[in-house]
Amino acid sequence: MMNWSALTKKQQQMVIATAVLAVVQIVLMAHFLGWTKPPAARGGAVKKELVALEQKLSDARAIIKREETIRSELAQSIEKLEALTSYAPTLSDRYAWAYEYVSRCATQARVELDNLEEAVTLADESKKDAAAPPYEISVSTRCGYNNLVELLWRLEKDNPLLRIKAVTVSALSDKPQAHQVRIVMQWPSSVKIEKGTQ
């Protein structure tokens, strides 16, 4: 046991400084080892890295799930598009296909066709990568209003890809109940299905 009164003033100061230094070292060591922090805050950089990795893993799972959903939706869209190909004119003989379709609808609507002709589209060399213009035909006929409405209804009802571009109606002086009608209609030039890589 140390006799405090036997120590000189300088020795007493040295003992006090040593004791204070020991206490400071213990406090610093406890702080750096995490003993003073709550249990949830211990772990420092390692815990932050673990949280970041868990977040990345969660994001990756979400992306994979989204990709599966997108692939499923793409497969459904391809099936629907393939089902629509029967409504597009065949590339080998579009005019015959369109003539047959329009004639059938006209017969059902009790409308006689005067003329059916393809629209001529000039290829633009500057737009080689652009999509091909739609296939377009014009139909001329003489009919009454009710028959015209039925013809247009049948044309669009039976073919979801058909677009009526224009309808021009002119009066006929010799037949007040009939009109000279010109209908311009379009179909997509082709229905392309790109399935991509699986």
Protein backbone atom coordinates (compact mmCIF):
# COMPACT_ATOMS: atom_id res chain seq x y z
CA MET A 1 0.00 0.00 0.00
CA MET A 2 1.26 3.39 -0.99
CA ASN A 3 1.72 6.10 1.67
CA TRP A 4 0.31 9.23 0.07
CA SER A 5 1.77 11.64 2.60
CA ALA A 6 5.27 10.26 2.11
CA LEU A 7 5.23 11.20 -1.60
CA THR A 8 6.52 14.49 -2.79
CA LYS A 9 4.21 16.93 -4.54
CA LYS A 10 5.70 16.04 -7.91
CA GLN A 11 5.23 12.31 -7.26
CA GLN A 12 1.62 12.90 -6.20
CA GLN A 13 0.98 14.78 -9.47
CA MET A 14 2.54 11.92 -11.44
CA VAL A 15 0.28 9.36 -9.70
CA ILE A 16 -2.82 11.50 -10.38
CA ALA A 17 -1.79 12.02 -14.07
CA THR A 18 -1.19 8.28 -14.47
CA ALA A 19 -4.59 7.45 -12.93
CA VAL A 20 -6.37 10.02 -15.14
CA LEU A 21 -4.56 8.70 -18.22
CA ALA A 22 -5.56 5.11 -17.33
CA VAL A 23 -9.22 6.12 -16.93
CA VAL A 24 -9.15 8.02 -20.28
CA GLN A 25 -7.62 4.98 -21.99
CA ILE A 26 -10.31 2.70 -20.54
CA VAL A 27 -13.09 5.10 -21.66
CA LEU A 28 -11.60 5.42 -25.18
CA MET A 29 -11.14 1.69 -25.47
CA ALA A 30 -14.76 1.08 -24.36
CA HIS A 31 -15.97 3.66 -26.89
CA PHE A 32 -14.02 2.24 -29.85
CA LEU A 33 -14.99 -1.33 -28.99
CA GLY A 34 -18.62 -0.23 -28.98
CA TRP A 35 -19.34 -0.97 -25.33
CA THR A 36 -20.86 2.50 -24.82
CA LYS A 37 -23.20 2.21 -27.87
CA PRO A 38 -26.61 0.54 -27.75
CA PRO A 39 -26.61 -3.05 -29.09
CA ALA A 40 -28.41 -2.00 -32.30
CA ALA A 41 -25.70 0.53 -33.21
CA ARG A 42 -22.75 -1.82 -32.72
CA GLY A 43 -21.01 -3.26 -35.77
CA GLY A 44 -20.12 -0.01 -37.56
CA ALA A 45 -18.94 -0.34 -41.16
CA VAL A 46 -19.58 -4.08 -41.32
CA LYS A 47 -23.24 -3.56 -40.41
CA LYS A 48 -23.62 -0.76 -43.00
CA GLU A 49 -22.10 -3.00 -45.66
CA LEU A 50 -24.47 -5.83 -44.71
CA VAL A 51 -27.49 -3.49 -44.94
CA ALA A 52 -26.30 -2.26 -48.38
CA LEU A 53 -25.86 -5.85 -49.61
CA GLU A 54 -29.32 -6.80 -48.36
CA GLN A 55 -30.79 -3.80 -50.25
CA LYS A 56 -28.98 -4.81 -53.46
CA LEU A 57 -30.27 -8.37 -53.07
CA SER A 58 -33.81 -7.08 -52.59
CA ASP A 59 -33.49 -4.86 -55.71
CA ALA A 60 -32.17 -7.82 -57.73
CA ARG A 61 -35.12 -9.98 -56.64
CA ALA A 62 -37.54 -7.20 -57.69
CA ILE A 63 -35.85 -6.91 -61.12
CA ILE A 64 -36.03 -10.68 -61.66
CA LYS A 65 -39.71 -10.71 -60.69
CA ARG A 66 -40.39 -7.75 -63.03
CA GLU A 67 -38.53 -9.51 -65.86
CA GLU A 68 -40.70 -12.62 -65.43
CA THR A 69 -43.83 -10.44 -65.59
CA ILE A 70 -42.56 -8.64 -68.71
CA ARG A 71 -41.72 -11.95 -70.43
CA SER A 72 -45.20 -13.27 -69.63
CA GLU A 73 -46.86 -10.10 -70.96
CA LEU A 74 -44.67 -10.22 -74.09
CA ALA A 75 -45.68 -13.84 -74.75
CA GLN A 76 -49.37 -12.89 -74.42
CA SER A 77 -48.89 -9.91 -76.78
CA ILE A 78 -47.17 -12.14 -79.36
CA GLU A 79 -50.09 -14.60 -79.21
CA LYS A 80 -52.57 -11.76 -79.76
CA LEU A 81 -50.49 -10.35 -82.63
CA GLU A 82 -50.19 -13.77 -84.27
CA ALA A 83 -53.99 -14.09 -84.03
CA LEU A 84 -54.33 -10.74 -85.86
CA THR A 85 -52.18 -11.79 -88.82
CA SER A 86 -55.22 -13.40 -90.46
CA TYR A 87 -56.80 -9.90 -90.66
CA ALA A 88 -53.91 -8.41 -92.67
CA PRO A 89 -53.65 -8.69 -96.46
CA THR A 90 -51.32 -11.43 -97.61
CA LEU A 91 -48.09 -10.01 -99.01
CA SER A 92 -48.16 -12.31 -102.06
CA ASP A 93 -51.50 -11.01 -103.40
CA ARG A 94 -52.83 -8.16 -101.33
CA TYR A 95 -55.22 -6.84 -103.96
CA ALA A 96 -57.05 -10.17 -104.36
CA TRP A 97 -57.27 -10.56 -100.58
CA ALA A 98 -58.66 -7.02 -100.13
CA TYR A 99 -61.07 -7.40 -103.07
CA GLU A 100 -62.48 -10.62 -101.65
CA TYR A 101 -62.90 -9.09 -98.18
CA VAL A 102 -64.52 -5.85 -99.38
CA SER A 103 -66.78 -7.72 -101.85
CA ARG A 104 -68.05 -10.03 -99.10
CA CYS A 105 -68.88 -7.08 -96.82
CA ALA A 106 -70.52 -5.18 -99.72
CA THR A 107 -72.70 -8.19 -100.60
CA GLN A 108 -73.84 -8.50 -96.98
CA ALA A 109 -74.68 -4.76 -96.92
CA ARG A 110 -76.47 -5.01 -100.31
CA VAL A 111 -74.05 -2.57 -101.95
CA GLU A 112 -72.72 -2.96 -105.50
CA LEU A 113 -69.08 -1.98 -106.02
CA ASP A 114 -68.27 0.19 -109.03
CA ASN A 115 -64.53 0.18 -108.64
CA LEU A 116 -61.82 -0.98 -106.24
CA GLU A 117 -58.25 0.20 -106.81
CA GLU A 118 -54.94 0.22 -104.98
CA ALA A 119 -53.39 3.52 -103.94
CA VAL A 120 -49.98 4.05 -105.47
CA THR A 121 -47.29 4.95 -102.93
CA LEU A 122 -43.89 6.09 -104.11
CA ALA A 123 -40.94 4.69 -102.16
CA ASP A 124 -38.83 7.37 -100.48
CA GLU A 125 -35.16 6.38 -100.79
CA SER A 126 -34.16 8.65 -97.89
CA LYS A 127 -36.29 6.63 -95.47
CA LYS A 128 -34.94 3.12 -95.99
CA ASP A 129 -35.23 2.25 -92.27
CA ALA A 130 -38.70 3.79 -91.93
CA ALA A 131 -41.73 1.53 -91.63
CA ALA A 132 -43.47 0.69 -94.88
CA PRO A 133 -46.59 2.77 -95.57
CA PRO A 134 -49.93 1.08 -94.94
CA TYR A 135 -51.62 -0.85 -97.73
CA GLU A 136 -54.36 1.40 -99.06
CA ILE A 137 -57.27 0.84 -101.42
CA SER A 138 -60.18 3.01 -102.49
CA VAL A 139 -63.68 1.78 -103.25
CA SER A 140 -66.26 3.57 -105.38
CA THR A 141 -69.95 2.72 -105.21
CA ARG A 142 -73.44 4.16 -105.47
CA CYS A 143 -75.69 3.44 -102.53
CA GLY A 144 -78.15 4.88 -100.06
CA TYR A 145 -77.25 6.20 -96.63
CA ASN A 146 -78.43 3.14 -94.67
CA ASN A 147 -76.53 0.75 -96.94
CA LEU A 148 -73.40 2.89 -96.61
CA VAL A 149 -73.63 2.81 -92.81
CA GLU A 150 -74.04 -0.96 -92.86
CA LEU A 151 -71.10 -1.39 -95.26
CA LEU A 152 -68.78 0.72 -93.08
CA TRP A 153 -69.96 -1.13 -89.96
CA ARG A 154 -69.28 -4.54 -91.55
CA LEU A 155 -65.88 -3.50 -92.88
CA GLU A 156 -64.66 -2.38 -89.47
CA LYS A 157 -66.47 -4.98 -87.36
CA ASP A 158 -65.05 -7.97 -89.20
CA ASN A 159 -61.46 -6.71 -89.40
CA PRO A 160 -59.79 -5.08 -86.37
CA LEU A 161 -56.76 -3.99 -88.45
CA LEU A 162 -58.82 -2.08 -91.02
CA ARG A 163 -58.79 1.70 -90.77
CA ILE A 164 -61.26 3.85 -92.70
CA LYS A 165 -59.13 6.80 -93.80
CA ALA A 166 -61.74 8.82 -95.67
CA VAL A 167 -65.34 8.69 -96.86
CA THR A 168 -66.50 11.09 -99.59
CA VAL A 169 -70.22 11.32 -100.35
CA SER A 170 -71.63 13.20 -103.36
CA ALA A 171 -75.28 13.64 -104.31
CA LEU A 172 -76.59 12.11 -107.54
CA SER A 173 -78.99 14.42 -109.35
CA ASP A 174 -80.81 11.60 -111.15
CA LYS A 175 -81.21 9.43 -107.99
CA PRO A 176 -82.09 11.43 -104.84
CA GLN A 177 -82.08 8.31 -102.62
CA ALA A 178 -78.58 7.22 -103.72
CA HIS A 179 -75.16 8.83 -103.42
CA GLN A 180 -71.83 8.49 -105.14
CA VAL A 181 -69.48 7.20 -102.39
CA ARG A 182 -65.71 6.83 -102.29
CA ILE A 183 -64.16 5.01 -99.33
CA VAL A 184 -60.41 4.96 -98.68
CA MET A 185 -59.28 2.21 -96.33
CA GLN A 186 -55.94 1.04 -94.99
CA TRP A 187 -54.34 -2.03 -93.48
CA PRO A 188 -50.86 -2.27 -91.95
CA SER A 189 -48.34 -3.11 -94.66
CA SER A 190 -47.22 -6.11 -92.61
CA VAL A 191 -47.62 -7.51 -89.13
CA LYS A 192 -44.12 -8.22 -87.88
CA ILE A 193 -43.57 -10.37 -84.83
CA GLU A 194 -40.24 -9.97 -83.10
CA LYS A 195 -39.90 -12.52 -80.34
CA GLY A 196 -36.45 -11.44 -79.22
CA THR A 197 -34.00 -13.70 -77.48
CA GLN A 198 -35.11 -16.16 -74.86
